[in-house]
C-alpha atoms as a PDB file:
ATOM      1  CA  MET A   1     110.721 128.869  47.201  1.00  0.00           C
ATOM      2  CA  ASP A   2     108.090 131.419  46.240  1.00  0.00           C
ATOM      3  CA  ARG A   3     105.673 130.803  43.391  1.00  0.00           C
ATOM      4  CA  VAL A   4     103.491 133.065  41.325  1.00  0.00           C
ATOM      5  CA  ALA A   5      99.860 132.038  41.073  1.00  0.00           C
ATOM      6  CA  LEU A   6      96.422 133.274  40.096  1.00  0.00           C
ATOM      7  CA  ILE A   7      93.485 132.602  42.371  1.00  0.00           C
ATOM      8  CA  GLY A   8      90.051 132.816  40.795  1.00  0.00           C
ATOM      9  CA  ILE A   9      87.271 133.480  43.279  1.00  0.00           C
ATOM     10  CA  ILE A  10      83.530 133.428  42.638  1.00  0.00           C
ATOM     11  CA  VAL A  11      81.344 134.832  45.395  1.00  0.00           C
ATOM     12  CA  GLN A  12      77.763 133.635  44.986  1.00  0.00           C
ATOM     13  CA  ASP A  13      76.549 134.707  48.433  1.00  0.00           C
ATOM     14  CA  ILE A  14      76.881 138.467  48.945  1.00  0.00           C
ATOM     15  CA  ARG A  15      76.982 137.880  52.714  1.00  0.00           C
ATOM     16  CA  ALA A  16      80.440 136.303  52.278  1.00  0.00           C
ATOM     17  CA  VAL A  17      82.048 139.405  50.732  1.00  0.00           C
ATOM     18  CA  GLU A  18      83.120 140.896  54.060  1.00  0.00           C
ATOM     19  CA  GLU A  19      84.809 137.640  55.133  1.00  0.00           C
ATOM     20  CA  VAL A  20      86.527 137.309  51.721  1.00  0.00           C
ATOM     21  CA  ASN A  21      87.939 140.823  52.077  1.00  0.00           C
ATOM     22  CA  LEU A  22      89.108 140.109  55.624  1.00  0.00           C
ATOM     23  CA  ILE A  23      90.971 136.969  54.508  1.00  0.00           C
ATOM     24  CA  LEU A  24      92.525 138.771  51.537  1.00  0.00           C
ATOM     25  CA  SER A  25      93.748 141.575  53.792  1.00  0.00           C
ATOM     26  CA  GLN A  26      95.465 139.005  56.038  1.00  0.00           C
ATOM     27  CA  PHE A  27      97.495 137.850  53.014  1.00  0.00           C
ATOM     28  CA  GLY A  28      97.953 141.359  51.602  1.00  0.00           C
ATOM     29  CA  ARG A  29     101.740 141.359  51.765  1.00  0.00           C
ATOM     30  CA  TYR A  30     101.834 138.551  49.177  1.00  0.00           C
ATOM     31  CA  ILE A  31      99.190 139.900  46.798  1.00  0.00           C
ATOM     32  CA  ILE A  32     100.571 141.473  43.622  1.00  0.00           C
ATOM     33  CA  GLY A  33      97.211 142.662  42.320  1.00  0.00           C
ATOM     34  CA  ARG A  34      93.485 142.190  42.540  1.00  0.00           C
ATOM     35  CA  MET A  35      90.615 142.707  40.137  1.00  0.00           C
ATOM     36  CA  GLY A  36      86.990 142.426  41.119  1.00  0.00           C
ATOM     37  CA  LEU A  37      84.029 142.304  38.773  1.00  0.00           C
ATOM     38  CA  PRO A  38      80.445 142.476  39.987  1.00  0.00           C
ATOM     39  CA  TYR A  39      78.237 140.415  37.670  1.00  0.00           C
ATOM     40  CA  ARG A  40      74.812 141.771  38.507  1.00  0.00           C
ATOM     41  CA  LYS A  41      72.997 139.707  35.856  1.00  0.00           C
ATOM     42  CA  ARG A  42      73.913 136.544  37.809  1.00  0.00           C
ATOM     43  CA  SER A  43      74.058 138.176  41.272  1.00  0.00           C
ATOM     44  CA  LEU A  44      77.655 137.182  41.897  1.00  0.00           C
ATOM     45  CA  ASN A  45      81.122 138.689  42.138  1.00  0.00           C
ATOM     46  CA  ILE A  46      84.231 137.493  40.313  1.00  0.00           C
ATOM     47  CA  ILE A  47      87.615 138.245  41.865  1.00  0.00           C
ATOM     48  CA  SER A  48      91.031 137.519  40.397  1.00  0.00           C
ATOM     49  CA  ILE A  49      94.096 137.589  42.660  1.00  0.00           C
ATOM     50  CA  ALA A  50      97.723 137.538  41.484  1.00  0.00           C
ATOM     51  CA  ILE A  51     100.007 136.354  44.288  1.00  0.00           C
ATOM     52  CA  ASP A  52     103.742 135.764  44.831  1.00  0.00           C
ATOM     53  CA  ALA A  53     104.245 133.587  47.905  1.00  0.00           C
ATOM     54  CA  PRO A  54     105.468 130.239  49.200  1.00  0.00           C
ATOM     55  CA  GLN A  55     103.350 127.243  48.158  1.00  0.00           C
ATOM     56  CA  ASP A  56     101.927 126.741  51.644  1.00  0.00           C
ATOM     57  CA  ILE A  57     100.769 130.373  51.872  1.00  0.00           C
ATOM     58  CA  ILE A  58      99.007 130.173  48.506  1.00  0.00           C
ATOM     59  CA  SER A  59      97.347 126.886  49.491  1.00  0.00           C
ATOM     60  CA  SER A  60      96.282 128.343  52.833  1.00  0.00           C
ATOM     61  CA  LEU A  61      94.705 131.409  51.216  1.00  0.00           C
ATOM     62  CA  SER A  62      92.882 129.378  48.581  1.00  0.00           C
ATOM     63  CA  GLY A  63      91.721 126.854  51.180  1.00  0.00           C
ATOM     64  CA  LYS A  64      90.368 129.493  53.569  1.00  0.00           C
ATOM     65  CA  LEU A  65      88.465 131.151  50.752  1.00  0.00           C
ATOM     66  CA  GLY A  66      87.075 127.864  49.475  1.00  0.00           C
ATOM     67  CA  MET A  67      85.794 126.919  52.934  1.00  0.00           C
ATOM     68  CA  LEU A  68      83.461 129.912  53.044  1.00  0.00           C
ATOM     69  CA  ASP A  69      79.807 129.232  52.277  1.00  0.00           C
ATOM     70  CA  GLY A  70      78.849 130.649  48.897  1.00  0.00           C
ATOM     71  CA  VAL A  71      82.478 131.042  47.747  1.00  0.00           C
ATOM     72  CA  SER A  72      84.470 129.003  45.229  1.00  0.00           C
ATOM     73  CA  ALA A  73      88.241 129.391  44.741  1.00  0.00           C
ATOM     74  CA  LYS A  74      90.604 127.745  42.290  1.00  0.00           C
ATOM     75  CA  THR A  75      94.346 128.279  41.878  1.00  0.00           C
ATOM     76  CA  LEU A  76      96.527 128.261  38.785  1.00  0.00           C
ATOM     77  CA  TYR A  77     100.312 128.089  39.349  1.00  0.00           C
ATOM     78  CA  SER A  78     103.109 129.331  37.111  1.00  0.00           C
END
């Protein structure tokens, strides 16, 4: 059964942005929308992802993002 979730991503290391985008593109068919906010004052990027996918897909995406150095990801489920 598919679930709707929000994944909050904070990228603290600008070198990880390319890898974050690559991972997100791999899961693109499940992503409903994406909003990215550069926060220059703190030298980080905040990304919010809305996703509609099976539980294991959402967990896989969040886990892959969270394993990157300089990246934090947390998921909120409906």
